[in-house]
């Protein structure tokens, strides 16, 4: 009779524990598959695409951080150091 005196609580709680465990496993699998699929998350700076040097230069010129002469000179330097279509590395 000991089983029936305290056992009803376990019989009630065990399905809830299994549901919680299965839910945790499903949540973990979903999180891992989303992460490995490379989903873009704007809050994670590691996942944001890197700006090209020309885009940074254009943004700085547009915001007024640099003047036209500095912009032109920087554009020329970037063009001179940009690898050509046949260059690798």
PDB file of N, CA and C in Angstrom:
ATOM      1  N   UNK A   1       0.801  -1.211   0.000  1.00  0.00           N
ATOM      2  CA  UNK A   1       0.000   0.000   0.000  1.00  0.00           C
ATOM      3  C   UNK A   1       0.848   1.281   0.000  1.00  0.00           C
ATOM      4  N   UNK A   2       2.117   1.181   0.229  1.00  0.00           N
ATOM      5  CA  UNK A   2       2.972   2.350   0.227  1.00  0.00           C
ATOM      6  C   UNK A   2       2.948   3.038  -1.138  1.00  0.00           C
ATOM      7  N   UNK A   3       2.888   2.230  -2.188  1.00  0.00           N
ATOM      8  CA  UNK A   3       2.874   2.800  -3.527  1.00  0.00           C
ATOM      9  C   UNK A   3       1.679   3.728  -3.724  1.00  0.00           C
ATOM     10  N   UNK A   4       0.531   3.341  -3.254  1.00  0.00           N
ATOM     11  CA  UNK A   4      -0.662   4.150  -3.464  1.00  0.00           C
ATOM     12  C   UNK A   4      -0.714   5.349  -2.552  1.00  0.00           C
ATOM     13  N   UNK A   5      -0.032   5.289  -1.403  1.00  0.00           N
ATOM     14  CA  UNK A   5      -0.051   6.437  -0.500  1.00  0.00           C
ATOM     15  C   UNK A   5       0.780   7.606  -1.042  1.00  0.00           C
ATOM     16  N   UNK A   6       1.962   7.328  -1.596  1.00  0.00           N
ATOM     17  CA  UNK A   6       2.800   8.409  -2.119  1.00  0.00           C
ATOM     18  C   UNK A   6       3.005   8.300  -3.606  1.00  0.00           C
ATOM     19  N   UNK A   7       2.586   7.214  -4.211  1.00  0.00           N
ATOM     20  CA  UNK A   7       2.833   6.958  -5.613  1.00  0.00           C
ATOM     21  C   UNK A   7       1.971   7.753  -6.565  1.00  0.00           C
ATOM     22  N   UNK A   8       0.833   8.210  -6.133  1.00  0.00           N
ATOM     23  CA  UNK A   8      -0.044   8.963  -7.037  1.00  0.00           C
ATOM     24  C   UNK A   8       0.602  10.265  -7.481  1.00  0.00           C
ATOM     25  N   UNK A   9       1.444  10.828  -6.611  1.00  0.00           N
ATOM     26  CA  UNK A   9       2.123  12.069  -6.980  1.00  0.00           C
ATOM     27  C   UNK A   9       3.092  11.816  -8.134  1.00  0.00           C
ATOM     28  N   UNK A  10       3.833  10.707  -8.064  1.00  0.00           N
ATOM     29  CA  UNK A  10       4.756  10.392  -9.157  1.00  0.00           C
ATOM     30  C   UNK A  10       4.005  10.055 -10.429  1.00  0.00           C
ATOM     31  N   UNK A  11       2.893   9.390 -10.307  1.00  0.00           N
ATOM     32  CA  UNK A  11       2.104   9.050 -11.487  1.00  0.00           C
ATOM     33  C   UNK A  11       1.563  10.309 -12.159  1.00  0.00           C
ATOM     34  N   UNK A  12       1.337  11.351 -11.382  1.00  0.00           N
ATOM     35  CA  UNK A  12       0.851  12.621 -11.926  1.00  0.00           C
ATOM     36  C   UNK A  12       1.996  13.445 -12.504  1.00  0.00           C
ATOM     37  N   UNK A  13       3.151  13.435 -11.816  1.00  0.00           N
ATOM     38  CA  UNK A  13       4.264  14.283 -12.226  1.00  0.00           C
ATOM     39  C   UNK A  13       5.102  13.696 -13.361  1.00  0.00           C
ATOM     40  N   UNK A  14       5.195  12.387 -13.478  1.00  0.00           N
ATOM     41  CA  UNK A  14       6.045  11.789 -14.509  1.00  0.00           C
ATOM     42  C   UNK A  14       5.656  12.215 -15.925  1.00  0.00           C
ATOM     43  N   UNK A  15       4.389  12.221 -16.308  1.00  0.00           N
ATOM     44  CA  UNK A  15       4.078  12.709 -17.665  1.00  0.00           C
ATOM     45  C   UNK A  15       4.483  14.170 -17.874  1.00  0.00           C
ATOM     46  N   UNK A  16       4.351  14.982 -16.851  1.00  0.00           N
ATOM     47  CA  UNK A  16       4.763  16.384 -16.967  1.00  0.00           C
ATOM     48  C   UNK A  16       6.269  16.501 -17.135  1.00  0.00           C
ATOM     49  N   UNK A  17       7.021  15.678 -16.424  1.00  0.00           N
ATOM     50  CA  UNK A  17       8.477  15.691 -16.567  1.00  0.00           C
ATOM     51  C   UNK A  17       8.891  15.224 -17.968  1.00  0.00           C
ATOM     52  N   UNK A  18       8.234  14.204 -18.495  1.00  0.00           N
ATOM     53  CA  UNK A  18       8.531  13.741 -19.850  1.00  0.00           C
ATOM     54  C   UNK A  18       8.203  14.811 -20.879  1.00  0.00           C
ATOM     55  N   UNK A  19       7.085  15.486 -20.707  1.00  0.00           N
ATOM     56  CA  UNK A  19       6.705  16.559 -21.640  1.00  0.00           C
ATOM     57  C   UNK A  19       7.737  17.684 -21.603  1.00  0.00           C
ATOM     58  N   UNK A  20       8.186  18.041 -20.405  1.00  0.00           N
ATOM     59  CA  UNK A  20       9.197  19.091 -20.274  1.00  0.00           C
ATOM     60  C   UNK A  20      10.514  18.655 -20.920  1.00  0.00           C
ATOM     61  N   UNK A  21      10.915  17.406 -20.714  1.00  0.00           N
ATOM     62  CA  UNK A  21      12.161  16.911 -21.293  1.00  0.00           C
ATOM     63  C   UNK A  21      12.074  16.883 -22.822  1.00  0.00           C
ATOM     64  N   UNK A  22      10.986  16.402 -23.363  1.00  0.00           N
ATOM     65  CA  UNK A  22      10.820  16.369 -24.817  1.00  0.00           C
ATOM     66  C   UNK A  22      10.787  17.787 -25.383  1.00  0.00           C
ATOM     67  N   UNK A  23      10.111  18.693 -24.690  1.00  0.00           N
ATOM     68  CA  UNK A  23      10.076  20.088 -25.129  1.00  0.00           C
ATOM     69  C   UNK A  23      11.458  20.713 -25.139  1.00  0.00           C
ATOM     70  N   UNK A  24      12.268  20.417 -24.142  1.00  0.00           N
ATOM     71  CA  UNK A  24      13.632  20.938 -24.077  1.00  0.00           C
ATOM     72  C   UNK A  24      14.476  20.403 -25.228  1.00  0.00           C
ATOM     73  N   UNK A  25      14.336  19.125 -25.539  1.00  0.00           N
ATOM     74  CA  UNK A  25      15.083  18.537 -26.650  1.00  0.00           C
ATOM     75  C   UNK A  25      14.655  19.165 -27.971  1.00  0.00           C
ATOM     76  N   UNK A  26      13.364  19.337 -28.187  1.00  0.00           N
ATOM     77  CA  UNK A  26      12.874  19.953 -29.419  1.00  0.00           C
ATOM     78  C   UNK A  26      13.385  21.385 -29.535  1.00  0.00           C
ATOM     79  N   UNK A  27      13.331  22.136 -28.452  1.00  0.00           N
ATOM     80  CA  UNK A  27      13.829  23.521 -28.460  1.00  0.00           C
ATOM     81  C   UNK A  27      15.313  23.555 -28.817  1.00  0.00           C
ATOM     82  N   UNK A  28      16.108  22.652 -28.221  1.00  0.00           N
ATOM     83  CA  UNK A  28      17.549  22.622 -28.493  1.00  0.00           C
ATOM     84  C   UNK A  28      17.824  22.276 -29.953  1.00  0.00           C
ATOM     85  N   UNK A  29      17.092  21.326 -30.498  1.00  0.00           N
ATOM     86  CA  UNK A  29      17.292  20.945 -31.902  1.00  0.00           C
ATOM     87  C   UNK A  29      16.940  22.111 -32.823  1.00  0.00           C
ATOM     88  N   UNK A  30      15.861  22.800 -32.548  1.00  0.00           N
ATOM     89  CA  UNK A  30      15.467  23.942 -33.382  1.00  0.00           C
ATOM     90  C   UNK A  30      16.520  25.033 -33.313  1.00  0.00           C
ATOM     91  N   UNK A  31      17.001  25.343 -32.128  1.00  0.00           N
ATOM     92  CA  UNK A  31      18.025  26.383 -31.977  1.00  0.00           C
ATOM     93  C   UNK A  31      19.311  26.015 -32.709  1.00  0.00           C
ATOM     94  N   UNK A  32      19.725  24.763 -32.595  1.00  0.00           N
ATOM     95  CA  UNK A  32      20.955  24.337 -33.249  1.00  0.00           C
ATOM     96  C   UNK A  32      20.819  24.324 -34.762  1.00  0.00           C
ATOM     97  N   UNK A  33      19.683  23.920 -35.277  1.00  0.00           N
ATOM     98  CA  UNK A  33      19.511  23.907 -36.728  1.00  0.00           C
ATOM     99  C   UNK A  33      19.396  25.321 -37.286  1.00  0.00           C
ATOM    100  N   UNK A  34      18.793  26.236 -36.558  1.00  0.00           N
ATOM    101  CA  UNK A  34      18.734  27.622 -37.011  1.00  0.00           C
ATOM    102  C   UNK A  34      20.126  28.226 -37.023  1.00  0.00           C
ATOM    103  N   UNK A  35      20.927  27.926 -36.012  1.00  0.00           N
ATOM    104  CA  UNK A  35      22.284  28.471 -35.922  1.00  0.00           C
ATOM    105  C   UNK A  35      23.161  27.922 -37.045  1.00  0.00           C
ATOM    106  N   UNK A  36      23.075  26.626 -37.314  1.00  0.00           N
ATOM    107  CA  UNK A  36      23.923  26.031 -38.333  1.00  0.00           C
ATOM    108  C   UNK A  36      23.475  26.398 -39.738  1.00  0.00           C
ATOM    109  N   UNK A  37      22.223  26.775 -39.913  1.00  0.00           N
ATOM    110  CA  UNK A  37      21.738  27.167 -41.234  1.00  0.00           C
ATOM    111  C   UNK A  37      22.214  28.563 -41.609  1.00  0.00           C
ATOM    112  N   UNK A  38      22.823  29.286 -40.669  1.00  0.00           N
ATOM    113  CA  UNK A  38      23.364  30.602 -40.961  1.00  0.00           C
ATOM    114  C   UNK A  38      22.317  31.682 -41.061  1.00  0.00           C
ATOM    115  N   UNK A  39      21.278  31.582 -40.269  1.00  0.00           N
ATOM    116  CA  UNK A  39      20.238  32.610 -40.299  1.00  0.00           C
ATOM    117  C   UNK A  39      20.832  33.931 -39.872  1.00  0.00           C
ATOM    118  N   UNK A  40      20.394  34.992 -40.515  1.00  0.00           N
ATOM    119  CA  UNK A  40      20.901  36.332 -40.221  1.00  0.00           C
ATOM    120  C   UNK A  40      20.168  36.904 -39.017  1.00  0.00           C
ATOM    121  N   UNK A  41      20.943  37.293 -38.036  1.00  0.00           N
ATOM    122  CA  UNK A  41      20.388  37.903 -36.832  1.00  0.00           C
ATOM    123  C   UNK A  41      21.042  39.264 -36.665  1.00  0.00           C
ATOM    124  N   UNK A  42      20.257  40.327 -36.779  1.00  0.00           N
ATOM    125  CA  UNK A  42      20.814  41.678 -36.738  1.00  0.00           C
ATOM    126  C   UNK A  42      21.390  42.029 -35.381  1.00  0.00           C
ATOM    127  N   UNK A  43      21.016  41.312 -34.334  1.00  0.00           N
ATOM    128  CA  UNK A  43      21.537  41.634 -33.009  1.00  0.00           C
ATOM    129  C   UNK A  43      22.897  41.018 -32.756  1.00  0.00           C
ATOM    130  N   UNK A  44      23.340  40.097 -33.590  1.00  0.00           N
ATOM    131  CA  UNK A  44      24.623  39.441 -33.409  1.00  0.00           C
ATOM    132  C   UNK A  44      25.625  40.032 -34.395  1.00  0.00           C
ATOM    133  N   UNK A  45      26.619  40.813 -33.910  1.00  0.00           N
ATOM    134  CA  UNK A  45      27.549  41.460 -34.836  1.00  0.00           C
ATOM    135  C   UNK A  45      28.410  40.476 -35.604  1.00  0.00           C
ATOM    136  N   UNK A  46      28.586  39.256 -35.097  1.00  0.00           N
ATOM    137  CA  UNK A  46      29.376  38.271 -35.824  1.00  0.00           C
ATOM    138  C   UNK A  46      28.667  37.799 -37.074  1.00  0.00           C
ATOM    139  N   UNK A  47      27.362  37.941 -37.144  1.00  0.00           N
ATOM    140  CA  UNK A  47      26.592  37.452 -38.276  1.00  0.00           C
ATOM    141  C   UNK A  47      26.300  38.523 -39.309  1.00  0.00           C
ATOM    142  N   UNK A  48      26.571  39.766 -39.006  1.00  0.00           N
ATOM    143  CA  UNK A  48      26.278  40.822 -39.961  1.00  0.00           C
ATOM    144  C   UNK A  48      27.332  40.805 -41.063  1.00  0.00           C
ATOM    145  N   UNK A  49      26.937  41.046 -42.305  1.00  0.00           N
ATOM    146  CA  UNK A  49      27.917  41.045 -43.388  1.00  0.00           C
ATOM    147  C   UNK A  49      28.878  42.210 -43.239  1.00  0.00           C
ATOM    148  N   UNK A  50      30.123  41.974 -43.594  1.00  0.00           N
ATOM    149  CA  UNK A  50      31.137  43.025 -43.483  1.00  0.00           C
ATOM    150  C   UNK A  50      30.969  44.036 -44.605  1.00  0.00           C
ATOM    151  N   UNK A  51      31.215  45.289 -44.270  1.00  0.00           N
ATOM    152  CA  UNK A  51      31.175  46.338 -45.278  1.00  0.00           C
ATOM    153  C   UNK A  51      32.465  46.309 -46.082  1.00  0.00           C
ATOM    154  N   UNK A  52      32.337  46.538 -47.368  1.00  0.00           N
ATOM    155  CA  UNK A  52      33.526  46.678 -48.211  1.00  0.00           C
ATOM    156  C   UNK A  52      34.152  48.038 -47.909  1.00  0.00           C
ATOM    157  N   UNK A  53      35.463  48.186 -48.165  1.00  0.00           N
ATOM    158  CA  UNK A  53      36.116  49.476 -47.905  1.00  0.00           C
ATOM    159  C   UNK A  53      35.461  50.634 -48.657  1.00  0.00           C
ATOM    160  N   UNK A  54      35.014  50.373 -49.871  1.00  0.00           N
ATOM    161  CA  UNK A  54      34.354  51.434 -50.648  1.00  0.00           C
ATOM    162  C   UNK A  54      33.052  51.874 -49.990  1.00  0.00           C
ATOM    163  N   UNK A  55      32.320  50.935 -49.428  1.00  0.00           N
ATOM    164  CA  UNK A  55      31.065  51.267 -48.748  1.00  0.00           C
ATOM    165  C   UNK A  55      31.323  52.100 -47.500  1.00  0.00           C
ATOM    166  N   UNK A  56      32.373  51.770 -46.774  1.00  0.00           N
ATOM    167  CA  UNK A  56      32.733  52.553 -45.580  1.00  0.00           C
ATOM    168  C   UNK A  56      33.113  53.961 -45.988  1.00  0.00           C
ATOM    169  N   UNK A  57      33.916  54.055 -47.046  1.00  0.00           N
ATOM    170  CA  UNK A  57      34.341  55.362 -47.538  1.00  0.00           C
ATOM    171  C   UNK A  57      33.144  56.190 -48.003  1.00  0.00           C
ATOM    172  N   UNK A  58      32.244  55.575 -48.749  1.00  0.00           N
ATOM    173  CA  UNK A  58      31.044  56.281 -49.212  1.00  0.00           C
ATOM    174  C   UNK A  58      30.200  56.767 -48.033  1.00  0.00           C
ATOM    175  N   UNK A  59      30.049  55.923 -47.035  1.00  0.00           N
ATOM    176  CA  UNK A  59      29.245  56.297 -45.862  1.00  0.00           C
ATOM    177  C   UNK A  59      29.886  57.463 -45.115  1.00  0.00           C
ATOM    178  N   UNK A  60      31.202  57.411 -44.950  1.00  0.00           N
ATOM    179  CA  UNK A  60      31.889  58.500 -44.232  1.00  0.00           C
ATOM    180  C   UNK A  60      31.806  59.815 -45.005  1.00  0.00           C
ATOM    181  N   UNK A  61      31.905  59.731 -46.341  1.00  0.00           N
ATOM    182  CA  UNK A  61      31.789  60.939 -47.154  1.00  0.00           C
ATOM    183  C   UNK A  61      30.372  61.499 -47.089  1.00  0.00           C
ATOM    184  N   UNK A  62      29.392  60.609 -47.156  1.00  0.00           N
ATOM    185  CA  UNK A  62      27.992  61.045 -47.113  1.00  0.00           C
ATOM    186  C   UNK A  62      27.634  61.673 -45.774  1.00  0.00           C
ATOM    187  N   UNK A  63      28.249  61.197 -44.699  1.00  0.00           N
ATOM    188  CA  UNK A  63      27.925  61.752 -43.379  1.00  0.00           C
ATOM    189  C   UNK A  63      28.725  63.012 -43.058  1.00  0.00           C
ATOM    190  N   UNK A  64      29.686  63.355 -43.933  1.00  0.00           N
ATOM    191  CA  UNK A  64      30.456  64.574 -43.716  1.00  0.00           C
ATOM    192  C   UNK A  64      31.692  64.380 -42.861  1.00  0.00           C
ATOM    193  N   UNK A  65      32.080  63.148 -42.594  1.00  0.00           N
ATOM    194  CA  UNK A  65      33.287  62.892 -41.790  1.00  0.00           C
ATOM    195  C   UNK A  65      34.552  63.252 -42.558  1.00  0.00           C
ATOM    196  N   UNK A  66      34.513  63.103 -43.876  1.00  0.00           N
ATOM    197  CA  UNK A  66      35.677  63.428 -44.700  1.00  0.00           C
ATOM    198  C   UNK A  66      35.248  64.362 -45.819  1.00  0.00           C
ATOM    199  N   UNK A  67      36.222  65.143 -46.332  1.00  0.00           N
ATOM    200  CA  UNK A  67      35.904  66.087 -47.402  1.00  0.00           C
ATOM    201  C   UNK A  67      36.116  65.430 -48.769  1.00  0.00           C
ATOM    202  N   UNK A  68      35.812  66.166 -49.832  1.00  0.00           N
ATOM    203  CA  UNK A  68      35.857  65.629 -51.194  1.00  0.00           C
ATOM    204  C   UNK A  68      37.271  65.239 -51.608  1.00  0.00           C
ATOM    205  N   UNK A  69      38.270  66.037 -51.219  1.00  0.00           N
ATOM    206  CA  UNK A  69      39.651  65.716 -51.591  1.00  0.00           C
ATOM    207  C   UNK A  69      40.109  64.413 -50.935  1.00  0.00           C
ATOM    208  N   UNK A  70      39.814  64.259 -49.670  1.00  0.00           N
ATOM    209  CA  UNK A  70      40.183  63.036 -48.957  1.00  0.00           C
ATOM    210  C   UNK A  70      39.453  61.843 -49.553  1.00  0.00           C
ATOM    211  N   UNK A  71      38.180  62.029 -49.901  1.00  0.00           N
ATOM    212  CA  UNK A  71      37.386  60.969 -50.506  1.00  0.00           C
ATOM    213  C   UNK A  71      37.998  60.527 -51.840  1.00  0.00           C
ATOM    214  N   UNK A  72      38.339  61.491 -52.692  1.00  0.00           N
ATOM    215  CA  UNK A  72      38.917  61.178 -54.003  1.00  0.00           C
ATOM    216  C   UNK A  72      40.253  60.454 -53.853  1.00  0.00           C
ATOM    217  N   UNK A  73      41.085  60.929 -52.963  1.00  0.00           N
ATOM    218  CA  UNK A  73      42.391  60.297 -52.748  1.00  0.00           C
ATOM    219  C   UNK A  73      42.243  58.871 -52.223  1.00  0.00           C
ATOM    220  N   UNK A  74      41.336  58.694 -51.306  1.00  0.00           N
ATOM    221  CA  UNK A  74      41.117  57.354 -50.752  1.00  0.00           C
ATOM    222  C   UNK A  74      40.555  56.421 -51.815  1.00  0.00           C
ATOM    223  N   UNK A  75      39.669  56.917 -52.670  1.00  0.00           N
ATOM    224  CA  UNK A  75      39.120  56.101 -53.755  1.00  0.00           C
ATOM    225  C   UNK A  75      40.234  55.652 -54.710  1.00  0.00           C
ATOM    226  N   UNK A  76      41.147  56.570 -55.031  1.00  0.00           N
ATOM    227  CA  UNK A  76      42.268  56.228 -55.920  1.00  0.00           C
ATOM    228  C   UNK A  76      43.142  55.159 -55.276  1.00  0.00           C
ATOM    229  N   UNK A  77      43.420  55.300 -53.990  1.00  0.00           N
ATOM    230  CA  UNK A  77      44.263  54.312 -53.293  1.00  0.00           C
ATOM    231  C   UNK A  77      43.579  52.945 -53.246  1.00  0.00           C
ATOM    232  N   UNK A  78      42.300  52.949 -52.988  1.00  0.00           N
ATOM    233  CA  UNK A  78      41.582  51.675 -52.953  1.00  0.00           C
ATOM    234  C   UNK A  78      41.590  51.004 -54.325  1.00  0.00           C
ATOM    235  N   UNK A  79      41.394  51.790 -55.385  1.00  0.00           N
ATOM    236  CA  UNK A  79      41.396  51.233 -56.738  1.00  0.00           C
ATOM    237  C   UNK A  79      42.778  50.684 -57.092  1.00  0.00           C
ATOM    238  N   UNK A  80      43.837  51.338 -56.650  1.00  0.00           N
ATOM    239  CA  UNK A  80      45.189  50.890 -56.953  1.00  0.00           C
ATOM    240  C   UNK A  80      45.520  49.579 -56.236  1.00  0.00           C
ATOM    241  N   UNK A  81      44.950  49.358 -55.066  1.00  0.00           N
ATOM    242  CA  UNK A  81      45.252  48.156 -54.274  1.00  0.00           C
ATOM    243  C   UNK A  81      44.246  47.038 -54.473  1.00  0.00           C
ATOM    244  N   UNK A  82      43.226  47.276 -55.262  1.00  0.00           N
ATOM    245  CA  UNK A  82      42.209  46.254 -55.491  1.00  0.00           C
ATOM    246  C   UNK A  82      42.784  45.212 -56.437  1.00  0.00           C
ATOM    247  N   UNK A  83      42.724  43.927 -56.075  1.00  0.00           N
ATOM    248  CA  UNK A  83      43.258  42.894 -56.983  1.00  0.00           C
ATOM    249  C   UNK A  83      42.433  42.816 -58.264  1.00  0.00           C
ATOM    250  N   UNK A  84      43.110  42.552 -59.350  1.00  0.00           N
ATOM    251  CA  UNK A  84      42.432  42.424 -60.635  1.00  0.00           C
ATOM    252  C   UNK A  84      41.722  41.092 -60.755  1.00  0.00           C
ATOM    253  N   UNK A  85      40.977  40.875 -61.847  1.00  0.00           N
ATOM    254  CA  UNK A  85      40.224  39.640 -62.015  1.00  0.00           C
ATOM    255  C   UNK A  85      41.111  38.394 -62.089  1.00  0.00           C
ATOM    256  N   UNK A  86      42.353  38.540 -62.607  1.00  0.00           N
ATOM    257  CA  UNK A  86      43.251  37.390 -62.717  1.00  0.00           C
ATOM    258  C   UNK A  86      44.058  37.132 -61.457  1.00  0.00           C
ATOM    259  N   UNK A  87      44.092  38.092 -60.535  1.00  0.00           N
ATOM    260  CA  UNK A  87      44.883  37.941 -59.299  1.00  0.00           C
ATOM    261  C   UNK A  87      44.149  37.080 -58.302  1.00  0.00           C
ATOM    262  N   UNK A  88      44.898  36.269 -57.597  1.00  0.00           N
ATOM    263  CA  UNK A  88      44.307  35.466 -56.525  1.00  0.00           C
ATOM    264  C   UNK A  88      45.053  35.748 -55.240  1.00  0.00           C
ATOM    265  N   UNK A  89      44.305  35.695 -54.131  1.00  0.00           N
ATOM    266  CA  UNK A  89      44.982  35.806 -52.852  1.00  0.00           C
ATOM    267  C   UNK A  89      44.638  37.030 -52.201  1.00  0.00           C
TER     268      UNK A  89
END
